[in-house]
Every structure is written in structure tokens, then in C-alpha cells.
C-alpha atoms as a PDB file:
ATOM      1  CA  UNK A   1     109.279   7.555  63.375  1.00  0.00           C
ATOM      2  CA  UNK A   2     106.456   6.375  65.603  1.00  0.00           C
ATOM      3  CA  UNK A   3     107.199   3.803  68.255  1.00  0.00           C
ATOM      4  CA  UNK A   4     106.267   0.134  67.524  1.00  0.00           C
ATOM      5  CA  UNK A   5     103.367   0.202  69.954  1.00  0.00           C
ATOM      6  CA  UNK A   6     101.762   3.144  68.106  1.00  0.00           C
ATOM      7  CA  UNK A   7     102.308   1.506  64.702  1.00  0.00           C
ATOM      8  CA  UNK A   8     100.825  -1.786  66.021  1.00  0.00           C
ATOM      9  CA  UNK A   9      97.808   0.053  67.360  1.00  0.00           C
ATOM     10  CA  UNK A  10      97.312   1.735  63.949  1.00  0.00           C
ATOM     11  CA  UNK A  11      97.401  -1.618  62.184  1.00  0.00           C
ATOM     12  CA  UNK A  12      94.927  -3.097  64.667  1.00  0.00           C
ATOM     13  CA  UNK A  13      92.633  -0.136  64.094  1.00  0.00           C
ATOM     14  CA  UNK A  14      92.901  -0.584  60.296  1.00  0.00           C
ATOM     15  CA  UNK A  15      92.101  -4.299  60.570  1.00  0.00           C
ATOM     16  CA  UNK A  16      89.291  -3.567  63.010  1.00  0.00           C
ATOM     17  CA  UNK A  17      87.691  -1.058  60.623  1.00  0.00           C
ATOM     18  CA  UNK A  18      88.295  -3.254  57.550  1.00  0.00           C
ATOM     19  CA  UNK A  19      86.608  -6.395  58.912  1.00  0.00           C
ATOM     20  CA  UNK A  20      83.031  -5.016  58.781  1.00  0.00           C
ATOM     21  CA  UNK A  21      83.560  -3.784  55.202  1.00  0.00           C
ATOM     22  CA  UNK A  22      84.980  -7.145  54.111  1.00  0.00           C
ATOM     23  CA  UNK A  23      82.096  -8.969  55.831  1.00  0.00           C
ATOM     24  CA  UNK A  24      79.567  -6.650  54.164  1.00  0.00           C
ATOM     25  CA  UNK A  25      81.152  -7.193  50.743  1.00  0.00           C
ATOM     26  CA  UNK A  26      81.098 -10.957  51.327  1.00  0.00           C
ATOM     27  CA  UNK A  27      77.401 -10.878  52.351  1.00  0.00           C
ATOM     28  CA  UNK A  28      76.484  -8.838  49.260  1.00  0.00           C
ATOM     29  CA  UNK A  29      78.367 -11.287  47.018  1.00  0.00           C
ATOM     30  CA  UNK A  30      76.602 -14.279  48.626  1.00  0.00           C
ATOM     31  CA  UNK A  31      73.208 -12.560  48.321  1.00  0.00           C
ATOM     32  CA  UNK A  32      73.676 -11.908  44.599  1.00  0.00           C
ATOM     33  CA  UNK A  33      75.006 -15.419  43.989  1.00  0.00           C
ATOM     34  CA  UNK A  34      71.987 -16.991  45.722  1.00  0.00           C
ATOM     35  CA  UNK A  35      69.316 -14.636  44.349  1.00  0.00           C
ATOM     36  CA  UNK A  36      70.572 -14.445  40.765  1.00  0.00           C
ATOM     37  CA  UNK A  37      68.329 -16.160  38.246  1.00  0.00           C
ATOM     38  CA  UNK A  38      69.521 -19.612  37.291  1.00  0.00           C
ATOM     39  CA  UNK A  39      70.869 -19.967  33.788  1.00  0.00           C
ATOM     40  CA  UNK A  40      68.486 -21.556  31.271  1.00  0.00           C
ATOM     41  CA  UNK A  41      69.884 -24.746  29.783  1.00  0.00           C
ATOM     42  CA  UNK A  42      67.074 -24.762  27.236  1.00  0.00           C
ATOM     43  CA  UNK A  43      64.714 -22.023  26.117  1.00  0.00           C
ATOM     44  CA  UNK A  44      62.340 -22.433  23.146  1.00  0.00           C
ATOM     45  CA  UNK A  45      58.672 -22.206  22.185  1.00  0.00           C
ATOM     46  CA  UNK A  46      56.245 -24.519  20.398  1.00  0.00           C
ATOM     47  CA  UNK A  47      53.032 -23.348  18.729  1.00  0.00           C
ATOM     48  CA  UNK A  48      50.032 -25.473  19.718  1.00  0.00           C
ATOM     49  CA  UNK A  49      46.433 -25.366  18.532  1.00  0.00           C
ATOM     50  CA  UNK A  50      43.839 -27.360  20.466  1.00  0.00           C
ATOM     51  CA  UNK A  51      40.687 -27.221  18.398  1.00  0.00           C
ATOM     52  CA  UNK A  52      37.269 -28.419  19.517  1.00  0.00           C
ATOM     53  CA  UNK A  53      34.785 -28.477  16.628  1.00  0.00           C
ATOM     54  CA  UNK A  54      31.248 -27.937  17.866  1.00  0.00           C
ATOM     55  CA  UNK A  55      28.023 -27.993  15.897  1.00  0.00           C
ATOM     56  CA  UNK A  56      25.747 -24.978  16.066  1.00  0.00           C
ATOM     57  CA  UNK A  57      22.538 -25.235  14.029  1.00  0.00           C
ATOM     58  CA  UNK A  58      24.217 -27.342  11.348  1.00  0.00           C
ATOM     59  CA  UNK A  59      27.475 -25.373  11.058  1.00  0.00           C
ATOM     60  CA  UNK A  60      30.689 -26.026  12.982  1.00  0.00           C
ATOM     61  CA  UNK A  61      32.749 -23.519  14.881  1.00  0.00           C
ATOM     62  CA  UNK A  62      36.173 -23.959  16.384  1.00  0.00           C
ATOM     63  CA  UNK A  63      37.463 -22.947  19.767  1.00  0.00           C
ATOM     64  CA  UNK A  64      41.120 -22.973  20.816  1.00  0.00           C
ATOM     65  CA  UNK A  65      40.849 -24.017  24.438  1.00  0.00           C
ATOM     66  CA  UNK A  66      44.344 -23.593  25.885  1.00  0.00           C
ATOM     67  CA  UNK A  67      44.462 -21.015  28.710  1.00  0.00           C
ATOM     68  CA  UNK A  68      47.580 -18.842  28.838  1.00  0.00           C
ATOM     69  CA  UNK A  69      48.306 -19.107  32.565  1.00  0.00           C
ATOM     70  CA  UNK A  70      49.256 -22.799  32.778  1.00  0.00           C
ATOM     71  CA  UNK A  71      52.498 -23.330  34.705  1.00  0.00           C
ATOM     72  CA  UNK A  72      52.804 -19.669  35.711  1.00  0.00           C
ATOM     73  CA  UNK A  73      52.879 -18.564  39.362  1.00  0.00           C
ATOM     74  CA  UNK A  74      49.348 -17.617  40.428  1.00  0.00           C
ATOM     75  CA  UNK A  75      47.837 -19.536  37.500  1.00  0.00           C
ATOM     76  CA  UNK A  76      47.082 -23.200  36.854  1.00  0.00           C
ATOM     77  CA  UNK A  77      49.703 -25.446  38.467  1.00  0.00           C
ATOM     78  CA  UNK A  78      48.537 -29.019  39.184  1.00  0.00           C
ATOM     79  CA  UNK A  79      51.808 -30.946  39.625  1.00  0.00           C
ATOM     80  CA  UNK A  80      55.095 -30.287  41.376  1.00  0.00           C
ATOM     81  CA  UNK A  81      57.220 -32.906  39.624  1.00  0.00           C
ATOM     82  CA  UNK A  82      59.648 -30.439  37.990  1.00  0.00           C
ATOM     83  CA  UNK A  83      59.135 -27.334  40.170  1.00  0.00           C
ATOM     84  CA  UNK A  84      62.843 -26.878  40.897  1.00  0.00           C
ATOM     85  CA  UNK A  85      63.705 -26.865  37.169  1.00  0.00           C
ATOM     86  CA  UNK A  86      61.696 -23.763  36.229  1.00  0.00           C
ATOM     87  CA  UNK A  87      62.866 -20.147  36.038  1.00  0.00           C
ATOM     88  CA  UNK A  88      61.305 -16.875  37.286  1.00  0.00           C
ATOM     89  CA  UNK A  89      58.256 -18.409  38.962  1.00  0.00           C
ATOM     90  CA  UNK A  90      57.347 -20.632  36.024  1.00  0.00           C
ATOM     91  CA  UNK A  91      57.103 -24.380  35.676  1.00  0.00           C
ATOM     92  CA  UNK A  92      59.723 -25.533  33.109  1.00  0.00           C
ATOM     93  CA  UNK A  93      56.869 -26.137  30.604  1.00  0.00           C
ATOM     94  CA  UNK A  94      54.261 -23.360  30.589  1.00  0.00           C
ATOM     95  CA  UNK A  95      51.720 -21.647  28.312  1.00  0.00           C
ATOM     96  CA  UNK A  96      51.908 -18.203  26.738  1.00  0.00           C
ATOM     97  CA  UNK A  97      49.596 -16.270  24.477  1.00  0.00           C
ATOM     98  CA  UNK A  98      50.520 -16.358  20.806  1.00  0.00           C
ATOM     99  CA  UNK A  99      52.325 -13.263  19.462  1.00  0.00           C
ATOM    100  CA  UNK A 100      50.107 -10.378  18.402  1.00  0.00           C
ATOM    101  CA  UNK A 101      47.140 -11.659  20.411  1.00  0.00           C
ATOM    102  CA  UNK A 102      46.423 -14.417  17.870  1.00  0.00           C
ATOM    103  CA  UNK A 103      43.691 -16.646  19.319  1.00  0.00           C
ATOM    104  CA  UNK A 104      43.862 -19.534  16.822  1.00  0.00           C
ATOM    105  CA  UNK A 105      46.857 -21.027  18.615  1.00  0.00           C
ATOM    106  CA  UNK A 106      48.897 -20.638  21.790  1.00  0.00           C
ATOM    107  CA  UNK A 107      52.531 -21.152  22.719  1.00  0.00           C
ATOM    108  CA  UNK A 108      54.051 -23.807  24.954  1.00  0.00           C
ATOM    109  CA  UNK A 109      57.296 -22.422  26.330  1.00  0.00           C
ATOM    110  CA  UNK A 110      60.069 -24.723  27.522  1.00  0.00           C
ATOM    111  CA  UNK A 111      62.476 -22.838  29.781  1.00  0.00           C
ATOM    112  CA  UNK A 112      64.444 -25.047  32.128  1.00  0.00           C
ATOM    113  CA  UNK A 113      67.599 -25.030  34.212  1.00  0.00           C
ATOM    114  CA  UNK A 114      68.311 -28.628  33.177  1.00  0.00           C
ATOM    115  CA  UNK A 115      68.738 -30.351  29.831  1.00  0.00           C
ATOM    116  CA  UNK A 116      65.736 -32.648  30.103  1.00  0.00           C
ATOM    117  CA  UNK A 117      63.434 -33.870  27.333  1.00  0.00           C
ATOM    118  CA  UNK A 118      59.942 -32.780  28.370  1.00  0.00           C
ATOM    119  CA  UNK A 119      56.816 -34.280  26.806  1.00  0.00           C
ATOM    120  CA  UNK A 120      53.364 -33.013  25.940  1.00  0.00           C
ATOM    121  CA  UNK A 121      52.155 -35.116  28.887  1.00  0.00           C
ATOM    122  CA  UNK A 122      54.360 -33.018  31.223  1.00  0.00           C
ATOM    123  CA  UNK A 123      52.514 -29.923  30.027  1.00  0.00           C
ATOM    124  CA  UNK A 124      49.088 -31.567  30.434  1.00  0.00           C
ATOM    125  CA  UNK A 125      50.102 -32.712  33.940  1.00  0.00           C
ATOM    126  CA  UNK A 126      50.807 -29.159  35.088  1.00  0.00           C
ATOM    127  CA  UNK A 127      47.514 -28.139  33.423  1.00  0.00           C
ATOM    128  CA  UNK A 128      45.736 -30.981  35.271  1.00  0.00           C
ATOM    129  CA  UNK A 129      43.946 -32.244  32.162  1.00  0.00           C
ATOM    130  CA  UNK A 130      43.747 -35.702  30.544  1.00  0.00           C
ATOM    131  CA  UNK A 131      45.594 -36.313  27.272  1.00  0.00           C
ATOM    132  CA  UNK A 132      44.989 -39.312  25.036  1.00  0.00           C
ATOM    133  CA  UNK A 133      43.469 -40.583  21.804  1.00  0.00           C
ATOM    134  CA  UNK A 134      40.126 -41.420  23.433  1.00  0.00           C
ATOM    135  CA  UNK A 135      39.945 -38.690  26.083  1.00  0.00           C
ATOM    136  CA  UNK A 136      41.650 -35.316  25.925  1.00  0.00           C
ATOM    137  CA  UNK A 137      40.351 -32.437  28.070  1.00  0.00           C
ATOM    138  CA  UNK A 138      37.391 -34.716  28.965  1.00  0.00           C
ATOM    139  CA  UNK A 139      36.168 -34.711  25.351  1.00  0.00           C
ATOM    140  CA  UNK A 140      35.728 -38.456  24.847  1.00  0.00           C
ATOM    141  CA  UNK A 141      35.589 -40.852  21.908  1.00  0.00           C
ATOM    142  CA  UNK A 142      32.840 -41.421  21.054  1.00  0.00           C
ATOM    143  CA  UNK A 143      31.191 -38.157  22.130  1.00  0.00           C
ATOM    144  CA  UNK A 144      28.232 -38.422  24.501  1.00  0.00           C
ATOM    145  CA  UNK A 145      25.290 -39.733  22.437  1.00  0.00           C
ATOM    146  CA  UNK A 146      22.857 -37.151  23.799  1.00  0.00           C
ATOM    147  CA  UNK A 147      25.066 -34.090  23.131  1.00  0.00           C
ATOM    148  CA  UNK A 148      23.962 -32.323  19.922  1.00  0.00           C
ATOM    149  CA  UNK A 149      27.157 -30.195  19.822  1.00  0.00           C
ATOM    150  CA  UNK A 150      29.244 -33.087  18.488  1.00  0.00           C
ATOM    151  CA  UNK A 151      29.051 -35.369  15.482  1.00  0.00           C
ATOM    152  CA  UNK A 152      28.899 -39.015  16.702  1.00  0.00           C
ATOM    153  CA  UNK A 153      31.833 -39.792  14.361  1.00  0.00           C
ATOM    154  CA  UNK A 154      34.207 -37.343  16.045  1.00  0.00           C
ATOM    155  CA  UNK A 155      37.676 -38.491  16.992  1.00  0.00           C
ATOM    156  CA  UNK A 156      40.877 -36.993  18.352  1.00  0.00           C
ATOM    157  CA  UNK A 157      43.594 -36.244  15.818  1.00  0.00           C
ATOM    158  CA  UNK A 158      47.147 -35.212  16.642  1.00  0.00           C
ATOM    159  CA  UNK A 159      49.385 -33.816  13.938  1.00  0.00           C
ATOM    160  CA  UNK A 160      52.947 -32.679  14.401  1.00  0.00           C
ATOM    161  CA  UNK A 161      54.846 -30.304  12.160  1.00  0.00           C
ATOM    162  CA  UNK A 162      58.531 -31.043  12.429  1.00  0.00           C
ATOM    163  CA  UNK A 163      61.573 -29.078  11.282  1.00  0.00           C
ATOM    164  CA  UNK A 164      61.343 -28.566   7.516  1.00  0.00           C
ATOM    165  CA  UNK A 165      57.522 -28.371   7.510  1.00  0.00           C
ATOM    166  CA  UNK A 166      56.811 -32.109   7.218  1.00  0.00           C
ATOM    167  CA  UNK A 167      53.578 -33.248   8.930  1.00  0.00           C
ATOM    168  CA  UNK A 168      53.286 -36.536  10.776  1.00  0.00           C
ATOM    169  CA  UNK A 169      51.077 -38.200  13.347  1.00  0.00           C
ATOM    170  CA  UNK A 170      51.969 -37.340  16.938  1.00  0.00           C
ATOM    171  CA  UNK A 171      52.705 -39.626  19.875  1.00  0.00           C
ATOM    172  CA  UNK A 172      50.186 -38.167  22.368  1.00  0.00           C
ATOM    173  CA  UNK A 173      51.599 -38.276  25.916  1.00  0.00           C
ATOM    174  CA  UNK A 174      54.982 -39.509  24.685  1.00  0.00           C
ATOM    175  CA  UNK A 175      55.347 -36.624  22.232  1.00  0.00           C
ATOM    176  CA  UNK A 176      58.642 -34.920  23.035  1.00  0.00           C
ATOM    177  CA  UNK A 177      58.800 -31.134  23.026  1.00  0.00           C
ATOM    178  CA  UNK A 178      61.735 -30.036  20.894  1.00  0.00           C
ATOM    179  CA  UNK A 179      62.630 -26.846  18.983  1.00  0.00           C
ATOM    180  CA  UNK A 180      61.032 -26.583  15.534  1.00  0.00           C
ATOM    181  CA  UNK A 181      57.942 -28.563  16.546  1.00  0.00           C
ATOM    182  CA  UNK A 182      54.323 -27.491  15.994  1.00  0.00           C
ATOM    183  CA  UNK A 183      51.300 -29.324  17.433  1.00  0.00           C
ATOM    184  CA  UNK A 184      47.634 -29.537  16.408  1.00  0.00           C
ATOM    185  CA  UNK A 185      45.135 -31.465  18.550  1.00  0.00           C
ATOM    186  CA  UNK A 186      41.752 -31.596  16.869  1.00  0.00           C
ATOM    187  CA  UNK A 187      38.418 -33.001  18.069  1.00  0.00           C
ATOM    188  CA  UNK A 188      36.482 -33.377  14.854  1.00  0.00           C
ATOM    189  CA  UNK A 189      35.281 -35.771  12.140  1.00  0.00           C
ATOM    190  CA  UNK A 190      38.125 -34.618   9.837  1.00  0.00           C
ATOM    191  CA  UNK A 191      41.878 -35.086  10.313  1.00  0.00           C
ATOM    192  CA  UNK A 192      43.868 -32.070  11.421  1.00  0.00           C
ATOM    193  CA  UNK A 193      45.521 -29.705   8.984  1.00  0.00           C
ATOM    194  CA  UNK A 194      49.058 -28.352   9.145  1.00  0.00           C
ATOM    195  CA  UNK A 195      49.807 -25.369  11.366  1.00  0.00           C
ATOM    196  CA  UNK A 196      50.159 -22.361   9.078  1.00  0.00           C
END
């Protein structure tokens, strides 16, 4: 049997060699805990069509004007109100292209680390555009009198498709974004139609 002094030295050596490994394991655990993506408390999408009817030699054509890089890092980002609630470099309310490259509508994605009720106004704030019954995206009611692209009787219409397919009038900036919702904003002389 080895003397006590030799055994004590062996234990000290073991502890001395173990400390760096324990410290390294602790640092790796802290790194992964800090850098891991936060868990989404809510994650859903809402189809939205923003339609501007414009006259062209007597016939109207429609353009869906929502860009797909709103609220995405490197894209359009005009407010910082809810920056710390987003995930993976996104604002908690951001725009995506519709599935399959469909250009008649876009997708508003709500992906947040908190259980907050976001509104359509929150999305327009990060986009940096006005939203309202008389001025949305700087298309005003009435349209400019000298602009031949627009019928002087144009107005803004907002229709909401709720769970179950029922259509109702929307609440503009106070419109809450919830699962099962669909939104149509239409600048025209005819009320909006349901999202198909």
C-alpha cells in the first residue's frame, strides 16, 4: 500500500486535471443555454391580400403590394417596439411569400417568444406604412383628383375571414392577428371579396 503522502498527491493530481474538464463542460453548457433559440410561445400565419385597383385605358388591374421582406433581418424594419420578442432574426410579426409563389396574396407570420396579442397596426409599424380607412400605404380617400389611375369614388375596404369562413368588416389598426384569420385590404370602388 502506498504511503498517505503519495495517495494525497495522486488525489491532488486527479482534482487538478479534472478542474479544467469540468470548467470546459460548464462553459459549453452555458454557451448552448445562451445561444439556443428561444421557444416560440405562438407560431401561426395569416393570409393577407392588399389590392390596389388601378385604371388602365378603361380596364382595371390589381396589384398585391406587400413586400416579402418586412420584419426580416436585412429587410424592411421601421420600429423596434417588439424586437426582443422575435425569433431567428425576425420581428415577431413579419411577411413571407405565399406558398407556391402565389402572388395574389402574401403571408403575415406571427412567431413570438411571448404570448402577446399583436395587431395589424404592429405589422404596418414594422413596415413603416400608414394604415387606416382614409389613408393606407399613402393611397388616400378620395384619390388625388388629377390622377387618372383611380376612380374618384374609390375607398378602402377591409374584410376579415374568421374561423369557419364567415366574412366580416375588419377593425383596421385594432385588428388582432389570431390563428384562422384572413385579411383583404382593397382600394377600389367595390367592396372586397372573400379570400379564396
